Amino acid sequence: MRRLPSIAAAAAWLAISVAASACAPTVHVKVDPITIYAKLDANVRLQLDQDVKALIQKNPDLF
């Protein structure tokens, strides 16, 4: 009857591990969206427009 205590010990460890894993805490974090306001001057807009036109001319099937 030496096996009975080891089976009981294994069952006790199993019950303790199940109970411990059921009590795992959860953390909820609220993340607010980030809003970025960018003011572009005319020179930046013109340069971007020229870059986009050049890119479209190089790759006509892009869109």
N, C-alpha and C. Protein backbone atom coordinates (compact mmCIF):
# COMPACT_ATOMS: atom_id res chain seq x y z
N MET A 1 0.83 -1.21 0.00
CA MET A 1 0.00 0.00 0.00
C MET A 1 0.86 1.27 0.00
N ARG A 2 2.01 1.15 -0.59
CA ARG A 2 2.89 2.30 -0.61
C ARG A 2 2.50 3.28 -1.71
N ARG A 3 1.77 2.86 -2.70
CA ARG A 3 1.37 3.74 -3.80
C ARG A 3 0.28 4.70 -3.42
N LEU A 4 -0.53 4.39 -2.48
CA LEU A 4 -1.67 5.23 -2.13
C LEU A 4 -1.25 6.63 -1.67
N PRO A 5 -0.23 6.78 -0.80
CA PRO A 5 0.16 8.14 -0.42
C PRO A 5 0.72 8.94 -1.60
N SER A 6 1.43 8.31 -2.53
CA SER A 6 1.98 9.07 -3.65
C SER A 6 0.87 9.51 -4.61
N ILE A 7 -0.16 8.70 -4.78
CA ILE A 7 -1.30 9.09 -5.61
C ILE A 7 -2.05 10.23 -4.95
N ALA A 8 -2.20 10.16 -3.63
CA ALA A 8 -2.89 11.23 -2.90
C ALA A 8 -2.08 12.52 -2.98
N ALA A 9 -0.76 12.42 -2.90
CA ALA A 9 0.09 13.61 -2.99
C ALA A 9 0.01 14.22 -4.38
N ALA A 10 0.00 13.37 -5.40
CA ALA A 10 -0.11 13.88 -6.77
C ALA A 10 -1.45 14.55 -6.99
N ALA A 11 -2.51 13.97 -6.45
CA ALA A 11 -3.83 14.57 -6.58
C ALA A 11 -3.89 15.91 -5.85
N ALA A 12 -3.23 16.00 -4.70
CA ALA A 12 -3.22 17.25 -3.94
C ALA A 12 -2.47 18.33 -4.72
N TRP A 13 -1.31 17.98 -5.30
CA TRP A 13 -0.56 18.95 -6.10
C TRP A 13 -1.33 19.39 -7.33
N LEU A 14 -2.04 18.47 -7.94
CA LEU A 14 -2.86 18.81 -9.09
C LEU A 14 -3.97 19.79 -8.70
N ALA A 15 -4.62 19.53 -7.58
CA ALA A 15 -5.69 20.42 -7.11
C ALA A 15 -5.15 21.80 -6.77
N ILE A 16 -3.96 21.85 -6.15
CA ILE A 16 -3.36 23.14 -5.79
C ILE A 16 -2.97 23.91 -7.06
N SER A 17 -2.39 23.23 -8.04
CA SER A 17 -1.98 23.93 -9.25
C SER A 17 -3.18 24.43 -10.06
N VAL A 18 -4.26 23.67 -10.09
CA VAL A 18 -5.48 24.11 -10.78
C VAL A 18 -6.07 25.32 -10.07
N ALA A 19 -6.10 25.28 -8.75
CA ALA A 19 -6.66 26.40 -7.98
C ALA A 19 -5.80 27.65 -8.14
N ALA A 20 -4.48 27.48 -8.18
CA ALA A 20 -3.59 28.63 -8.33
C ALA A 20 -3.71 29.24 -9.72
N SER A 21 -3.87 28.42 -10.74
CA SER A 21 -3.97 28.97 -12.09
C SER A 21 -5.33 29.62 -12.33
N ALA A 22 -6.33 29.23 -11.60
CA ALA A 22 -7.66 29.84 -11.75
C ALA A 22 -7.69 31.25 -11.16
N CYS A 23 -6.75 31.57 -10.30
CA CYS A 23 -6.74 32.87 -9.63
C CYS A 23 -5.74 33.83 -10.26
N ALA A 24 -5.39 33.63 -11.50
CA ALA A 24 -4.43 34.50 -12.17
C ALA A 24 -5.06 35.86 -12.41
N PRO A 25 -4.38 36.94 -12.00
CA PRO A 25 -4.94 38.29 -12.20
C PRO A 25 -4.86 38.72 -13.66
N THR A 26 -5.78 39.55 -14.07
CA THR A 26 -5.75 40.13 -15.41
C THR A 26 -5.62 41.64 -15.28
N VAL A 27 -4.91 42.23 -16.20
CA VAL A 27 -4.66 43.67 -16.17
C VAL A 27 -5.28 44.27 -17.42
N HIS A 28 -6.09 45.29 -17.25
CA HIS A 28 -6.71 46.01 -18.37
C HIS A 28 -6.10 47.41 -18.42
N VAL A 29 -5.60 47.78 -19.58
CA VAL A 29 -4.98 49.08 -19.76
C VAL A 29 -5.78 49.85 -20.80
N LYS A 30 -6.18 51.06 -20.45
CA LYS A 30 -6.91 51.90 -21.39
C LYS A 30 -5.91 52.77 -22.15
N VAL A 31 -5.97 52.70 -23.47
CA VAL A 31 -5.07 53.46 -24.31
C VAL A 31 -5.89 54.46 -25.10
N ASP A 32 -5.60 55.72 -24.91
CA ASP A 32 -6.30 56.78 -25.64
C ASP A 32 -5.62 56.98 -26.99
N PRO A 33 -6.39 57.33 -28.02
CA PRO A 33 -5.78 57.58 -29.33
C PRO A 33 -4.92 58.84 -29.30
N ILE A 34 -3.89 58.84 -30.11
CA ILE A 34 -3.00 59.99 -30.19
C ILE A 34 -3.40 60.82 -31.41
N THR A 35 -3.62 62.10 -31.20
CA THR A 35 -3.98 63.00 -32.28
C THR A 35 -2.80 63.92 -32.56
N ILE A 36 -2.38 63.96 -33.81
CA ILE A 36 -1.26 64.80 -34.19
C ILE A 36 -1.76 65.84 -35.19
N TYR A 37 -1.52 67.07 -34.85
CA TYR A 37 -1.88 68.16 -35.75
C TYR A 37 -0.61 68.64 -36.44
N ALA A 38 -0.61 68.61 -37.76
CA ALA A 38 0.56 69.04 -38.52
C ALA A 38 0.15 70.17 -39.45
N LYS A 39 0.92 71.22 -39.42
CA LYS A 39 0.66 72.35 -40.30
C LYS A 39 1.75 72.34 -41.38
N LEU A 40 1.33 72.12 -42.62
CA LEU A 40 2.27 72.08 -43.73
C LEU A 40 2.22 73.39 -44.50
N ASP A 41 3.38 73.90 -44.81
CA ASP A 41 3.39 75.13 -45.60
C ASP A 41 3.34 74.77 -47.09
N ALA A 42 3.25 75.78 -47.93
CA ALA A 42 3.05 75.57 -49.36
C ALA A 42 4.25 74.86 -49.99
N ASN A 43 5.45 75.11 -49.50
CA ASN A 43 6.64 74.51 -50.09
C ASN A 43 6.64 72.99 -49.87
N VAL A 44 6.27 72.56 -48.70
CA VAL A 44 6.22 71.14 -48.41
C VAL A 44 5.15 70.47 -49.26
N ARG A 45 4.00 71.09 -49.37
CA ARG A 45 2.92 70.54 -50.19
C ARG A 45 3.34 70.43 -51.65
N LEU A 46 4.01 71.45 -52.17
CA LEU A 46 4.46 71.45 -53.56
C LEU A 46 5.48 70.35 -53.79
N GLN A 47 6.41 70.18 -52.86
CA GLN A 47 7.44 69.14 -53.00
C GLN A 47 6.80 67.76 -52.95
N LEU A 48 5.85 67.56 -52.04
CA LEU A 48 5.15 66.28 -51.97
C LEU A 48 4.37 66.01 -53.25
N ASP A 49 3.73 67.03 -53.79
CA ASP A 49 2.97 66.88 -55.03
C ASP A 49 3.89 66.47 -56.17
N GLN A 50 5.04 67.09 -56.26
CA GLN A 50 6.00 66.75 -57.31
C GLN A 50 6.54 65.33 -57.12
N ASP A 51 6.81 64.94 -55.89
CA ASP A 51 7.31 63.59 -55.62
C ASP A 51 6.27 62.53 -55.99
N VAL A 52 5.01 62.81 -55.68
CA VAL A 52 3.95 61.86 -56.00
C VAL A 52 3.78 61.75 -57.51
N LYS A 53 3.83 62.86 -58.22
CA LYS A 53 3.72 62.83 -59.68
C LYS A 53 4.86 62.02 -60.29
N ALA A 54 6.07 62.22 -59.78
CA ALA A 54 7.22 61.47 -60.30
C ALA A 54 7.08 59.98 -60.01
N LEU A 55 6.58 59.64 -58.84
CA LEU A 55 6.38 58.23 -58.48
C LEU A 55 5.33 57.58 -59.37
N ILE A 56 4.27 58.31 -59.66
CA ILE A 56 3.21 57.77 -60.52
C ILE A 56 3.72 57.61 -61.96
N GLN A 57 4.55 58.54 -62.42
CA GLN A 57 5.10 58.42 -63.76
C GLN A 57 6.04 57.22 -63.88
N LYS A 58 6.78 56.93 -62.81
CA LYS A 58 7.70 55.78 -62.82
C LYS A 58 6.91 54.46 -62.73
N ASN A 59 5.80 54.47 -62.00
CA ASN A 59 4.99 53.28 -61.79
C ASN A 59 3.54 53.58 -62.18
N PRO A 60 3.20 53.54 -63.45
CA PRO A 60 1.82 53.90 -63.86
C PRO A 60 0.76 52.92 -63.36
N ASP A 61 1.12 51.69 -63.06
CA ASP A 61 0.15 50.70 -62.56
C ASP A 61 0.05 50.68 -61.05
N LEU A 62 0.54 51.72 -60.40
CA LEU A 62 0.56 51.77 -58.94
C LEU A 62 -0.84 51.85 -58.35
N PHE A 63 -1.71 52.58 -59.01
CA PHE A 63 -3.08 52.73 -58.47
C PHE A 63 -4.07 52.05 -59.35
